[in-house]
Amino acid sequence: MSKYCQFCGAEVAEEAVICVKCGCSVNGKKADLSAQQPPKTWLTQSILVTLFCCLPLGIVGIVNASKVESRFYAGEIEEANRLSAQAGKWTKLGFWIGLIGMTIYCIFMIAIGAFAGLAGLSGY
């Protein structure tokens, strides 16, 4: 069963403390989220992984990271923690796969260059 914000009328989750749309308290109580910090979003790291390492896994990280704070401030603390863990997992996985892929590519290019030099195919 859902409830509605008394200020803007938006539908909010049953366990929500504040309205995601307008930011007002849902129950007429003061939202006390100051004692808690939102979980790490991994958004910056996900963007960097997308740009420099592994596009598909970085995008999955961005999608999960972009939802962390909104879920936290909607009162869905467990969901925010789950999304943060997912964003971290995909970001780290994308980083390591990208790093391994670049290393293999560099080794391959060095081997090709060495083979061409030994075979006299260097072009000089």
PDB file of N, CA and C in Angstrom:
ATOM      1  N   MET A   1       0.843  -1.176   0.000  1.00  0.00           N
ATOM      2  CA  MET A   1       0.000   0.000   0.000  1.00  0.00           C
ATOM      3  C   MET A   1       0.887   1.237   0.000  1.00  0.00           C
ATOM      4  N   SER A   2       0.580   2.170  -0.817  1.00  0.00           N
ATOM      5  CA  SER A   2       1.360   3.385  -0.929  1.00  0.00           C
ATOM      6  C   SER A   2       0.706   4.508  -0.151  1.00  0.00           C
ATOM      7  N   LYS A   3       1.518   5.524   0.123  1.00  0.00           N
ATOM      8  CA  LYS A   3       0.972   6.735   0.719  1.00  0.00           C
ATOM      9  C   LYS A   3       1.362   7.907  -0.170  1.00  0.00           C
ATOM     10  N   TYR A   4       0.772   9.048   0.117  1.00  0.00           N
ATOM     11  CA  TYR A   4       0.964  10.201  -0.739  1.00  0.00           C
ATOM     12  C   TYR A   4       1.509  11.376   0.064  1.00  0.00           C
ATOM     13  N   CYS A   5       2.318  12.186  -0.599  1.00  0.00           N
ATOM     14  CA  CYS A   5       2.877  13.387   0.024  1.00  0.00           C
ATOM     15  C   CYS A   5       1.752  14.393   0.247  1.00  0.00           C
ATOM     16  N   GLN A   6       1.695  14.966   1.444  1.00  0.00           N
ATOM     17  CA  GLN A   6       0.637  15.925   1.754  1.00  0.00           C
ATOM     18  C   GLN A   6       0.877  17.286   1.115  1.00  0.00           C
ATOM     19  N   PHE A   7       2.067  17.521   0.581  1.00  0.00           N
ATOM     20  CA  PHE A   7       2.381  18.810  -0.018  1.00  0.00           C
ATOM     21  C   PHE A   7       2.236  18.817  -1.537  1.00  0.00           C
ATOM     22  N   CYS A   8       2.754  17.768  -2.203  1.00  0.00           N
ATOM     23  CA  CYS A   8       2.699  17.763  -3.672  1.00  0.00           C
ATOM     24  C   CYS A   8       1.799  16.665  -4.227  1.00  0.00           C
ATOM     25  N   GLY A   9       1.374  15.715  -3.394  1.00  0.00           N
ATOM     26  CA  GLY A   9       0.473  14.668  -3.829  1.00  0.00           C
ATOM     27  C   GLY A   9       1.140  13.493  -4.523  1.00  0.00           C
ATOM     28  N   ALA A  10       2.473  13.485  -4.587  1.00  0.00           N
ATOM     29  CA  ALA A  10       3.190  12.390  -5.251  1.00  0.00           C
ATOM     30  C   ALA A  10       3.089  11.110  -4.430  1.00  0.00           C
ATOM     31  N   GLU A  11       3.047   9.990  -5.111  1.00  0.00           N
ATOM     32  CA  GLU A  11       3.015   8.691  -4.440  1.00  0.00           C
ATOM     33  C   GLU A  11       4.412   8.374  -3.922  1.00  0.00           C
ATOM     34  N   VAL A  12       4.496   7.958  -2.664  1.00  0.00           N
ATOM     35  CA  VAL A  12       5.777   7.627  -2.050  1.00  0.00           C
ATOM     36  C   VAL A  12       5.701   6.251  -1.426  1.00  0.00           C
ATOM     37  N   ALA A  13       6.861   5.635  -1.223  1.00  0.00           N
ATOM     38  CA  ALA A  13       6.916   4.303  -0.622  1.00  0.00           C
ATOM     39  C   ALA A  13       6.412   4.356   0.822  1.00  0.00           C
ATOM     40  N   GLU A  14       5.924   3.228   1.286  1.00  0.00           N
ATOM     41  CA  GLU A  14       5.359   3.148   2.634  1.00  0.00           C
ATOM     42  C   GLU A  14       6.392   3.505   3.709  1.00  0.00           C
ATOM     43  N   GLU A  15       7.650   3.082   3.521  1.00  0.00           N
ATOM     44  CA  GLU A  15       8.684   3.335   4.522  1.00  0.00           C
ATOM     45  C   GLU A  15       9.436   4.635   4.310  1.00  0.00           C
ATOM     46  N   ALA A  16       9.041   5.420   3.312  1.00  0.00           N
ATOM     47  CA  ALA A  16       9.729   6.675   2.996  1.00  0.00           C
ATOM     48  C   ALA A  16       9.553   7.696   4.114  1.00  0.00           C
ATOM     49  N   VAL A  17      10.587   8.478   4.340  1.00  0.00           N
ATOM     50  CA  VAL A  17      10.559   9.526   5.342  1.00  0.00           C
ATOM     51  C   VAL A  17      10.312  10.875   4.684  1.00  0.00           C
ATOM     52  N   ILE A  18      10.873  11.044   3.474  1.00  0.00           N
ATOM     53  CA  ILE A  18      10.680  12.283   2.742  1.00  0.00           C
ATOM     54  C   ILE A  18      10.185  11.975   1.335  1.00  0.00           C
ATOM     55  N   CYS A  19       9.550  12.945   0.718  1.00  0.00           N
ATOM     56  CA  CYS A  19       9.058  12.817  -0.652  1.00  0.00           C
ATOM     57  C   CYS A  19      10.229  13.018  -1.615  1.00  0.00           C
ATOM     58  N   VAL A  20      10.381  12.112  -2.557  1.00  0.00           N
ATOM     59  CA  VAL A  20      11.457  12.202  -3.524  1.00  0.00           C
ATOM     60  C   VAL A  20      11.229  13.384  -4.472  1.00  0.00           C
ATOM     61  N   LYS A  21       9.983  13.680  -4.748  1.00  0.00           N
ATOM     62  CA  LYS A  21       9.658  14.734  -5.713  1.00  0.00           C
ATOM     63  C   LYS A  21       9.900  16.131  -5.143  1.00  0.00           C
ATOM     64  N   CYS A  22       9.366  16.413  -3.939  1.00  0.00           N
ATOM     65  CA  CYS A  22       9.472  17.774  -3.396  1.00  0.00           C
ATOM     66  C   CYS A  22      10.422  17.897  -2.208  1.00  0.00           C
ATOM     67  N   GLY A  23      10.820  16.782  -1.586  1.00  0.00           N
ATOM     68  CA  GLY A  23      11.763  16.819  -0.475  1.00  0.00           C
ATOM     69  C   GLY A  23      11.137  17.099   0.872  1.00  0.00           C
ATOM     70  N   CYS A  24       9.822  17.189   0.949  1.00  0.00           N
ATOM     71  CA  CYS A  24       9.147  17.474   2.209  1.00  0.00           C
ATOM     72  C   CYS A  24       8.958  16.193   3.023  1.00  0.00           C
ATOM     73  N   SER A  25       8.774  16.369   4.315  1.00  0.00           N
ATOM     74  CA  SER A  25       8.517  15.239   5.200  1.00  0.00           C
ATOM     75  C   SER A  25       7.174  14.616   4.858  1.00  0.00           C
ATOM     76  N   VAL A  26       7.101  13.292   4.843  1.00  0.00           N
ATOM     77  CA  VAL A  26       5.884  12.599   4.441  1.00  0.00           C
ATOM     78  C   VAL A  26       4.911  12.449   5.604  1.00  0.00           C
ATOM     79  N   ASN A  27       5.410  12.168   6.794  1.00  0.00           N
ATOM     80  CA  ASN A  27       4.544  11.876   7.934  1.00  0.00           C
ATOM     81  C   ASN A  27       4.258  13.099   8.792  1.00  0.00           C
ATOM     82  N   GLY A  28       4.683  14.252   8.372  1.00  0.00           N
ATOM     83  CA  GLY A  28       4.547  15.427   9.215  1.00  0.00           C
ATOM     84  C   GLY A  28       5.644  15.474  10.265  1.00  0.00           C
ATOM     85  N   LYS A  29       6.497  14.454  10.271  1.00  0.00           N
ATOM     86  CA  LYS A  29       7.624  14.410  11.188  1.00  0.00           C
ATOM     87  C   LYS A  29       8.843  14.977  10.479  1.00  0.00           C
ATOM     88  N   LYS A  30       9.749  15.503  11.247  1.00  0.00           N
ATOM     89  CA  LYS A  30      10.989  16.014  10.688  1.00  0.00           C
ATOM     90  C   LYS A  30      11.828  14.831  10.240  1.00  0.00           C
ATOM     91  N   ALA A  31      12.259  14.855   9.002  1.00  0.00           N
ATOM     92  CA  ALA A  31      13.096  13.775   8.478  1.00  0.00           C
ATOM     93  C   ALA A  31      14.460  13.843   9.132  1.00  0.00           C
ATOM     94  N   ASP A  32      14.865  12.768   9.813  1.00  0.00           N
ATOM     95  CA  ASP A  32      16.149  12.759  10.503  1.00  0.00           C
ATOM     96  C   ASP A  32      17.109  11.830   9.782  1.00  0.00           C
ATOM     97  N   LEU A  33      17.612  12.296   8.650  1.00  0.00           N
ATOM     98  CA  LEU A  33      18.617  11.535   7.922  1.00  0.00           C
ATOM     99  C   LEU A  33      20.006  12.092   8.160  1.00  0.00           C
ATOM    100  N   SER A  34      20.105  13.103   9.032  1.00  0.00           N
ATOM    101  CA  SER A  34      21.402  13.724   9.284  1.00  0.00           C
ATOM    102  C   SER A  34      22.334  12.780  10.034  1.00  0.00           C
ATOM    103  N   ALA A  35      21.759  11.846  10.790  1.00  0.00           N
ATOM    104  CA  ALA A  35      22.591  10.911  11.541  1.00  0.00           C
ATOM    105  C   ALA A  35      23.231   9.880  10.624  1.00  0.00           C
ATOM    106  N   GLN A  36      22.655   9.693   9.456  1.00  0.00           N
ATOM    107  CA  GLN A  36      23.173   8.701   8.518  1.00  0.00           C
ATOM    108  C   GLN A  36      23.763   9.387   7.304  1.00  0.00           C
ATOM    109  N   GLN A  37      24.765   8.773   6.746  1.00  0.00           N
ATOM    110  CA  GLN A  37      25.363   9.230   5.498  1.00  0.00           C
ATOM    111  C   GLN A  37      24.852   8.324   4.384  1.00  0.00           C
ATOM    112  N   PRO A  38      24.588   8.883   3.208  1.00  0.00           N
ATOM    113  CA  PRO A  38      24.221   7.992   2.096  1.00  0.00           C
ATOM    114  C   PRO A  38      25.404   7.106   1.728  1.00  0.00           C
ATOM    115  N   PRO A  39      25.162   5.913   1.243  1.00  0.00           N
ATOM    116  CA  PRO A  39      26.271   5.046   0.843  1.00  0.00           C
ATOM    117  C   PRO A  39      27.039   5.638  -0.333  1.00  0.00           C
ATOM    118  N   LYS A  40      28.241   5.156  -0.532  1.00  0.00           N
ATOM    119  CA  LYS A  40      29.076   5.627  -1.637  1.00  0.00           C
ATOM    120  C   LYS A  40      28.368   5.356  -2.957  1.00  0.00           C
ATOM    121  N   THR A  41      28.350   6.364  -3.836  1.00  0.00           N
ATOM    122  CA  THR A  41      27.617   6.211  -5.085  1.00  0.00           C
ATOM    123  C   THR A  41      28.444   5.560  -6.186  1.00  0.00           C
ATOM    124  N   TRP A  42      29.735   5.715  -6.209  1.00  0.00           N
ATOM    125  CA  TRP A  42      30.620   5.185  -7.245  1.00  0.00           C
ATOM    126  C   TRP A  42      30.398   5.855  -8.594  1.00  0.00           C
ATOM    127  N   LEU A  43      29.723   6.997  -8.630  1.00  0.00           N
ATOM    128  CA  LEU A  43      29.386   7.618  -9.907  1.00  0.00           C
ATOM    129  C   LEU A  43      30.621   8.117 -10.660  1.00  0.00           C
ATOM    130  N   THR A  44      31.508   8.822  -9.972  1.00  0.00           N
ATOM    131  CA  THR A  44      32.720   9.333 -10.634  1.00  0.00           C
ATOM    132  C   THR A  44      33.569   8.196 -11.164  1.00  0.00           C
ATOM    133  N   GLN A  45      33.768   7.181 -10.343  1.00  0.00           N
ATOM    134  CA  GLN A  45      34.574   6.044 -10.763  1.00  0.00           C
ATOM    135  C   GLN A  45      33.933   5.318 -11.936  1.00  0.00           C
ATOM    136  N   SER A  46      32.610   5.192 -11.919  1.00  0.00           N
ATOM    137  CA  SER A  46      31.910   4.523 -13.016  1.00  0.00           C
ATOM    138  C   SER A  46      32.064   5.282 -14.327  1.00  0.00           C
ATOM    139  N   ILE A  47      31.997   6.599 -14.249  1.00  0.00           N
ATOM    140  CA  ILE A  47      32.174   7.412 -15.456  1.00  0.00           C
ATOM    141  C   ILE A  47      33.582   7.249 -16.005  1.00  0.00           C
ATOM    142  N   LEU A  48      34.577   7.256 -15.130  1.00  0.00           N
ATOM    143  CA  LEU A  48      35.963   7.095 -15.579  1.00  0.00           C
ATOM    144  C   LEU A  48      36.198   5.711 -16.184  1.00  0.00           C
ATOM    145  N   VAL A  49      35.629   4.685 -15.584  1.00  0.00           N
ATOM    146  CA  VAL A  49      35.751   3.336 -16.137  1.00  0.00           C
ATOM    147  C   VAL A  49      35.077   3.269 -17.502  1.00  0.00           C
ATOM    148  N   THR A  50      33.936   3.932 -17.644  1.00  0.00           N
ATOM    149  CA  THR A  50      33.240   3.944 -18.935  1.00  0.00           C
ATOM    150  C   THR A  50      34.096   4.611 -20.008  1.00  0.00           C
ATOM    151  N   LEU A  51      34.726   5.714 -19.668  1.00  0.00           N
ATOM    152  CA  LEU A  51      35.517   6.458 -20.644  1.00  0.00           C
ATOM    153  C   LEU A  51      36.837   5.779 -21.001  1.00  0.00           C
ATOM    154  N   PHE A  52      37.503   5.163 -20.017  1.00  0.00           N
ATOM    155  CA  PHE A  52      38.867   4.704 -20.238  1.00  0.00           C
ATOM    156  C   PHE A  52      39.075   3.190 -20.227  1.00  0.00           C
ATOM    157  N   CYS A  53      38.154   2.434 -19.706  1.00  0.00           N
ATOM    158  CA  CYS A  53      38.429   1.001 -19.539  1.00  0.00           C
ATOM    159  C   CYS A  53      37.455   0.096 -20.282  1.00  0.00           C
ATOM    160  N   CYS A  54      36.237   0.062 -19.824  1.00  0.00           N
ATOM    161  CA  CYS A  54      35.284  -0.922 -20.348  1.00  0.00           C
ATOM    162  C   CYS A  54      33.900  -0.296 -20.416  1.00  0.00           C
ATOM    163  N   LEU A  55      33.484   0.089 -21.595  1.00  0.00           N
ATOM    164  CA  LEU A  55      32.226   0.811 -21.803  1.00  0.00           C
ATOM    165  C   LEU A  55      30.998   0.073 -21.250  1.00  0.00           C
ATOM    166  N   PRO A  56      30.754  -1.185 -21.595  1.00  0.00           N
ATOM    167  CA  PRO A  56      29.510  -1.822 -21.131  1.00  0.00           C
ATOM    168  C   PRO A  56      29.407  -1.938 -19.614  1.00  0.00           C
ATOM    169  N   LEU A  57      30.484  -2.344 -18.963  1.00  0.00           N
ATOM    170  CA  LEU A  57      30.432  -2.512 -17.510  1.00  0.00           C
ATOM    171  C   LEU A  57      30.383  -1.165 -16.805  1.00  0.00           C
ATOM    172  N   GLY A  58      31.027  -0.158 -17.382  1.00  0.00           N
ATOM    173  CA  GLY A  58      30.960   1.181 -16.812  1.00  0.00           C
ATOM    174  C   GLY A  58      29.554   1.743 -16.856  1.00  0.00           C
ATOM    175  N   ILE A  59      28.833   1.462 -17.929  1.00  0.00           N
ATOM    176  CA  ILE A  59      27.450   1.941 -18.049  1.00  0.00           C
ATOM    177  C   ILE A  59      26.562   1.275 -17.000  1.00  0.00           C
ATOM    178  N   VAL A  60      26.758  -0.003 -16.769  1.00  0.00           N
ATOM    179  CA  VAL A  60      25.986  -0.687 -15.722  1.00  0.00           C
ATOM    180  C   VAL A  60      26.286  -0.050 -14.366  1.00  0.00           C
ATOM    181  N   GLY A  61      27.562   0.282 -14.134  1.00  0.00           N
ATOM    182  CA  GLY A  61      27.931   0.964 -12.898  1.00  0.00           C
ATOM    183  C   GLY A  61      27.265   2.321 -12.772  1.00  0.00           C
ATOM    184  N   ILE A  62      27.213   3.084 -13.863  1.00  0.00           N
ATOM    185  CA  ILE A  62      26.579   4.403 -13.842  1.00  0.00           C
ATOM    186  C   ILE A  62      25.091   4.291 -13.541  1.00  0.00           C
ATOM    187  N   VAL A  63      24.427   3.333 -14.158  1.00  0.00           N
ATOM    188  CA  VAL A  63      22.986   3.156 -13.938  1.00  0.00           C
ATOM    189  C   VAL A  63      22.700   2.870 -12.465  1.00  0.00           C
ATOM    190  N   ASN A  64      23.472   1.977 -11.869  1.00  0.00           N
ATOM    191  CA  ASN A  64      23.273   1.667 -10.452  1.00  0.00           C
ATOM    192  C   ASN A  64      23.667   2.842  -9.563  1.00  0.00           C
ATOM    193  N   ALA A  65      24.787   3.499  -9.883  1.00  0.00           N
ATOM    194  CA  ALA A  65      25.270   4.608  -9.060  1.00  0.00           C
ATOM    195  C   ALA A  65      24.311   5.791  -9.062  1.00  0.00           C
ATOM    196  N   SER A  66      23.640   6.005 -10.173  1.00  0.00           N
ATOM    197  CA  SER A  66      22.753   7.166 -10.267  1.00  0.00           C
ATOM    198  C   SER A  66      21.497   7.019  -9.401  1.00  0.00           C
ATOM    199  N   LYS A  67      21.200   5.832  -8.955  1.00  0.00           N
ATOM    200  CA  LYS A  67      19.996   5.595  -8.155  1.00  0.00           C
ATOM    201  C   LYS A  67      20.254   5.574  -6.650  1.00  0.00           C
ATOM    202  N   VAL A  68      21.519   5.570  -6.232  1.00  0.00           N
ATOM    203  CA  VAL A  68      21.845   5.361  -4.820  1.00  0.00           C
ATOM    204  C   VAL A  68      21.271   6.455  -3.925  1.00  0.00           C
ATOM    205  N   GLU A  69      21.584   7.706  -4.210  1.00  0.00           N
ATOM    206  CA  GLU A  69      21.153   8.783  -3.321  1.00  0.00           C
ATOM    207  C   GLU A  69      19.636   8.976  -3.312  1.00  0.00           C
ATOM    208  N   SER A  70      19.000   8.828  -4.464  1.00  0.00           N
ATOM    209  CA  SER A  70      17.542   9.008  -4.481  1.00  0.00           C
ATOM    210  C   SER A  70      16.853   7.933  -3.642  1.00  0.00           C
ATOM    211  N   ARG A  71      17.355   6.717  -3.703  1.00  0.00           N
ATOM    212  CA  ARG A  71      16.767   5.646  -2.875  1.00  0.00           C
ATOM    213  C   ARG A  71      17.022   5.915  -1.392  1.00  0.00           C
ATOM    214  N   PHE A  72      18.217   6.401  -1.072  1.00  0.00           N
ATOM    215  CA  PHE A  72      18.544   6.697   0.327  1.00  0.00           C
ATOM    216  C   PHE A  72      17.613   7.762   0.885  1.00  0.00           C
ATOM    217  N   TYR A  73      17.454   8.856   0.151  1.00  0.00           N
ATOM    218  CA  TYR A  73      16.626   9.956   0.641  1.00  0.00           C
ATOM    219  C   TYR A  73      15.136   9.645   0.574  1.00  0.00           C
ATOM    220  N   ALA A  74      14.756   8.605  -0.151  1.00  0.00           N
ATOM    221  CA  ALA A  74      13.360   8.147  -0.149  1.00  0.00           C
ATOM    222  C   ALA A  74      13.098   7.227   1.038  1.00  0.00           C
ATOM    223  N   GLY A  75      14.128   6.954   1.817  1.00  0.00           N
ATOM    224  CA  GLY A  75      13.965   6.101   2.989  1.00  0.00           C
ATOM    225  C   GLY A  75      14.229   4.632   2.711  1.00  0.00           C
ATOM    226  N   GLU A  76      14.630   4.300   1.505  1.00  0.00           N
ATOM    227  CA  GLU A  76      14.908   2.912   1.137  1.00  0.00           C
ATOM    228  C   GLU A  76      16.394   2.626   1.339  1.00  0.00           C
ATOM    229  N   ILE A  77      16.796   2.552   2.607  1.00  0.00           N
ATOM    230  CA  ILE A  77      18.211   2.430   2.974  1.00  0.00           C
ATOM    231  C   ILE A  77      18.805   1.121   2.461  1.00  0.00           C
ATOM    232  N   GLU A  78      18.086   0.019   2.613  1.00  0.00           N
ATOM    233  CA  GLU A  78      18.608  -1.279   2.167  1.00  0.00           C
ATOM    234  C   GLU A  78      18.806  -1.296   0.653  1.00  0.00           C
ATOM    235  N   GLU A  79      17.853  -0.724  -0.078  1.00  0.00           N
ATOM    236  CA  GLU A  79      17.961  -0.671  -1.537  1.00  0.00           C
ATOM    237  C   GLU A  79      19.135   0.216  -1.956  1.00  0.00           C
ATOM    238  N   ALA A  80      19.334   1.324  -1.245  1.00  0.00           N
ATOM    239  CA  ALA A  80      20.470   2.206  -1.545  1.00  0.00           C
ATOM    240  C   ALA A  80      21.789   1.474  -1.308  1.00  0.00           C
ATOM    241  N   ASN A  81      21.878   0.720  -0.236  1.00  0.00           N
ATOM    242  CA  ASN A  81      23.099  -0.050   0.036  1.00  0.00           C
ATOM    243  C   ASN A  81      23.323  -1.132  -1.024  1.00  0.00           C
ATOM    244  N   ARG A  82      22.239  -1.778  -1.459  1.00  0.00           N
ATOM    245  CA  ARG A  82      22.354  -2.803  -2.492  1.00  0.00           C
ATOM    246  C   ARG A  82      22.823  -2.194  -3.811  1.00  0.00           C
ATOM    247  N   LEU A  83      22.241  -1.060  -4.187  1.00  0.00           N
ATOM    248  CA  LEU A  83      22.647  -0.401  -5.430  1.00  0.00           C
ATOM    249  C   LEU A  83      24.087   0.090  -5.367  1.00  0.00           C
ATOM    250  N   SER A  84      24.513   0.563  -4.201  1.00  0.00           N
ATOM    251  CA  SER A  84      25.897   0.994  -4.036  1.00  0.00           C
ATOM    252  C   SER A  84      26.855  -0.186  -4.213  1.00  0.00           C
ATOM    253  N   ALA A  85      26.488  -1.319  -3.621  1.00  0.00           N
ATOM    254  CA  ALA A  85      27.328  -2.518  -3.767  1.00  0.00           C
ATOM    255  C   ALA A  85      27.380  -2.977  -5.223  1.00  0.00           C
ATOM    256  N   GLN A  86      26.250  -2.929  -5.921  1.00  0.00           N
ATOM    257  CA  GLN A  86      26.222  -3.312  -7.337  1.00  0.00           C
ATOM    258  C   GLN A  86      27.068  -2.361  -8.180  1.00  0.00           C
ATOM    259  N   ALA A  87      26.937  -1.067  -7.923  1.00  0.00           N
ATOM    260  CA  ALA A  87      27.727  -0.081  -8.676  1.00  0.00           C
ATOM    261  C   ALA A  87      29.215  -0.308  -8.442  1.00  0.00           C
ATOM    262  N   GLY A  88      29.594  -0.571  -7.200  1.00  0.00           N
ATOM    263  CA  GLY A  88      31.003  -0.839  -6.889  1.00  0.00           C
ATOM    264  C   GLY A  88      31.500  -2.102  -7.569  1.00  0.00           C
ATOM    265  N   LYS A  89      30.672  -3.135  -7.573  1.00  0.00           N
ATOM    266  CA  LYS A  89      31.065  -4.403  -8.198  1.00  0.00           C
ATOM    267  C   LYS A  89      31.310  -4.224  -9.695  1.00  0.00           C
ATOM    268  N   TRP A  90      30.371  -3.590 -10.396  1.00  0.00           N
ATOM    269  CA  TRP A  90      30.512  -3.436 -11.843  1.00  0.00           C
ATOM    270  C   TRP A  90      31.634  -2.472 -12.208  1.00  0.00           C
ATOM    271  N   THR A  91      31.829  -1.453 -11.388  1.00  0.00           N
ATOM    272  CA  THR A  91      32.908  -0.495 -11.647  1.00  0.00           C
ATOM    273  C   THR A  91      34.268  -1.160 -11.486  1.00  0.00           C
ATOM    274  N   LYS A  92      34.442  -1.905 -10.413  1.00  0.00           N
ATOM    275  CA  LYS A  92      35.718  -2.601 -10.183  1.00  0.00           C
ATOM    276  C   LYS A  92      35.964  -3.658 -11.255  1.00  0.00           C
ATOM    277  N   LEU A  93      34.928  -4.395 -11.603  1.00  0.00           N
ATOM    278  CA  LEU A  93      35.062  -5.418 -12.636  1.00  0.00           C
ATOM    279  C   LEU A  93      35.455  -4.792 -13.972  1.00  0.00           C
ATOM    280  N   GLY A  94      34.801  -3.695 -14.334  1.00  0.00           N
ATOM    281  CA  GLY A  94      35.134  -2.996 -15.571  1.00  0.00           C
ATOM    282  C   GLY A  94      36.550  -2.465 -15.572  1.00  0.00           C
ATOM    283  N   PHE A  95      37.007  -1.959 -14.418  1.00  0.00           N
ATOM    284  CA  PHE A  95      38.374  -1.451 -14.320  1.00  0.00           C
ATOM    285  C   PHE A  95      39.385  -2.570 -14.551  1.00  0.00           C
ATOM    286  N   TRP A  96      39.213  -3.696 -13.867  1.00  0.00           N
ATOM    287  CA  TRP A  96      40.187  -4.780 -13.986  1.00  0.00           C
ATOM    288  C   TRP A  96      40.160  -5.427 -15.366  1.00  0.00           C
ATOM    289  N   ILE A  97      38.986  -5.598 -15.943  1.00  0.00           N
ATOM    290  CA  ILE A  97      38.907  -6.158 -17.299  1.00  0.00           C
ATOM    291  C   ILE A  97      39.555  -5.211 -18.293  1.00  0.00           C
ATOM    292  N   GLY A  98      39.316  -3.915 -18.146  1.00  0.00           N
ATOM    293  CA  GLY A  98      39.953  -2.933 -19.025  1.00  0.00           C
ATOM    294  C   GLY A  98      41.461  -2.925 -18.872  1.00  0.00           C
ATOM    295  N   LEU A  99      41.933  -3.002 -17.631  1.00  0.00           N
ATOM    296  CA  LEU A  99      43.379  -3.006 -17.383  1.00  0.00           C
ATOM    297  C   LEU A  99      44.038  -4.260 -17.967  1.00  0.00           C
ATOM    298  N   ILE A 100      43.415  -5.405 -17.770  1.00  0.00           N
ATOM    299  CA  ILE A 100      43.956  -6.650 -18.321  1.00  0.00           C
ATOM    300  C   ILE A 100      43.928  -6.608 -19.848  1.00  0.00           C
ATOM    301  N   GLY A 101      42.840  -6.102 -20.411  1.00  0.00           N
ATOM    302  CA  GLY A 101      42.740  -5.997 -21.870  1.00  0.00           C
ATOM    303  C   GLY A 101      43.812  -5.083 -22.452  1.00  0.00           C
ATOM    304  N   MET A 102      44.050  -3.939 -21.815  1.00  0.00           N
ATOM    305  CA  MET A 102      45.096  -3.024 -22.299  1.00  0.00           C
ATOM    306  C   MET A 102      46.486  -3.639 -22.170  1.00  0.00           C
ATOM    307  N   THR A 103      46.715  -4.378 -21.106  1.00  0.00           N
ATOM    308  CA  THR A 103      48.006  -5.035 -20.912  1.00  0.00           C
ATOM    309  C   THR A 103      48.241  -6.083 -21.998  1.00  0.00           C
ATOM    310  N   ILE A 104      47.231  -6.894 -22.273  1.00  0.00           N
ATOM    311  CA  ILE A 104      47.357  -7.905 -23.323  1.00  0.00           C
ATOM    312  C   ILE A 104      47.589  -7.241 -24.678  1.00  0.00           C
ATOM    313  N   TYR A 105      46.887  -6.147 -24.953  1.00  0.00           N
ATOM    314  CA  TYR A 105      47.067  -5.419 -26.209  1.00  0.00           C
ATOM    315  C   TYR A 105      48.496  -4.892 -26.339  1.00  0.00           C
ATOM    316  N   CYS A 106      49.038  -4.308 -25.272  1.00  0.00           N
ATOM    317  CA  CYS A 106      50.411  -3.782 -25.309  1.00  0.00           C
ATOM    318  C   CYS A 106      51.424  -4.898 -25.532  1.00  0.00           C
ATOM    319  N   ILE A 107      51.255  -6.021 -24.848  1.00  0.00           N
ATOM    320  CA  ILE A 107      52.162  -7.163 -25.031  1.00  0.00           C
ATOM    321  C   ILE A 107      52.080  -7.665 -26.468  1.00  0.00           C
ATOM    322  N   PHE A 108      50.879  -7.746 -27.008  1.00  0.00           N
ATOM    323  CA  PHE A 108      50.687  -8.196 -28.376  1.00  0.00           C
ATOM    324  C   PHE A 108      51.386  -7.255 -29.356  1.00  0.00           C
ATOM    325  N   MET A 109      51.223  -5.945 -29.172  1.00  0.00           N
ATOM    326  CA  MET A 109      51.847  -4.979 -30.082  1.00  0.00           C
ATOM    327  C   MET A 109      53.373  -5.012 -29.992  1.00  0.00           C
ATOM    328  N   ILE A 110      53.904  -5.197 -28.792  1.00  0.00           N
ATOM    329  CA  ILE A 110      55.360  -5.320 -28.632  1.00  0.00           C
ATOM    330  C   ILE A 110      55.854  -6.580 -29.321  1.00  0.00           C
ATOM    331  N   ALA A 111      55.113  -7.682 -29.176  1.00  0.00           N
ATOM    332  CA  ALA A 111      55.508  -8.934 -29.823  1.00  0.00           C
ATOM    333  C   ALA A 111      55.463  -8.800 -31.343  1.00  0.00           C
ATOM    334  N   ILE A 112      54.458  -8.141 -31.877  1.00  0.00           N
ATOM    335  CA  ILE A 112      54.359  -7.921 -33.327  1.00  0.00           C
ATOM    336  C   ILE A 112      55.534  -7.062 -33.802  1.00  0.00           C
ATOM    337  N   GLY A 113      55.840  -6.010 -33.053  1.00  0.00           N
ATOM    338  CA  GLY A 113      56.968  -5.150 -33.412  1.00  0.00           C
ATOM    339  C   GLY A 113      58.284  -5.896 -33.371  1.00  0.00           C
ATOM    340  N   ALA A 114      58.476  -6.730 -32.364  1.00  0.00           N
ATOM    341  CA  ALA A 114      59.711  -7.501 -32.256  1.00  0.00           C
ATOM    342  C   ALA A 114      59.806  -8.520 -33.392  1.00  0.00           C
ATOM    343  N   PHE A 115      58.697  -9.158 -33.710  1.00  0.00           N
ATOM    344  CA  PHE A 115      58.698 -10.123 -34.800  1.00  0.00           C
ATOM    345  C   PHE A 115      59.004  -9.438 -36.129  1.00  0.00           C
ATOM    346  N   ALA A 116      58.418  -8.274 -36.353  1.00  0.00           N
ATOM    347  CA  ALA A 116      58.669  -7.541 -37.599  1.00  0.00           C
ATOM    348  C   ALA A 116      60.126  -7.104 -37.675  1.00  0.00           C
ATOM    349  N   GLY A 117      60.695  -6.704 -36.559  1.00  0.00           N
ATOM    350  CA  GLY A 117      62.107  -6.306 -36.543  1.00  0.00           C
ATOM    351  C   GLY A 117      63.026  -7.493 -36.813  1.00  0.00           C
ATOM    352  N   LEU A 118      62.720  -8.628 -36.253  1.00  0.00           N
ATOM    353  CA  LEU A 118      63.548  -9.817 -36.478  1.00  0.00           C
ATOM    354  C   LEU A 118      63.424 -10.336 -37.909  1.00  0.00           C
ATOM    355  N   ALA A 119      62.252 -10.184 -38.477  1.00  0.00           N
ATOM    356  CA  ALA A 119      62.031 -10.709 -39.813  1.00  0.00           C
ATOM    357  C   ALA A 119      62.478  -9.710 -40.893  1.00  0.00           C
ATOM    358  N   GLY A 120      62.936  -8.552 -40.465  1.00  0.00           N
ATOM    359  CA  GLY A 120      63.370  -7.552 -41.444  1.00  0.00           C
ATOM    360  C   GLY A 120      62.226  -6.850 -42.117  1.00  0.00           C
ATOM    361  N   LEU A 121      61.107  -6.808 -41.480  1.00  0.00           N
ATOM    362  CA  LEU A 121      59.923  -6.185 -42.065  1.00  0.00           C
ATOM    363  C   LEU A 121      59.662  -4.792 -41.490  1.00  0.00           C
ATOM    364  N   SER A 122      60.653  -4.220 -40.873  1.00  0.00           N
ATOM    365  CA  SER A 122      60.440  -2.941 -40.203  1.00  0.00           C
ATOM    366  C   SER A 122      60.227  -1.802 -41.178  1.00  0.00           C
ATOM    367  N   GLY A 123      60.602  -1.938 -42.423  1.00  0.00           N
ATOM    368  CA  GLY A 123      60.356  -0.915 -43.408  1.00  0.00           C
ATOM    369  C   GLY A 123      61.493   0.088 -43.538  1.00  0.00           C
ATOM    370  N   TYR A 124      62.586  -0.095 -42.845  1.00  0.00           N
ATOM    371  CA  TYR A 124      63.709   0.867 -42.921  1.00  0.00           C
ATOM    372  C   TYR A 124      64.781   0.368 -43.827  1.00  0.00           C
TER     373      TYR A 124
END
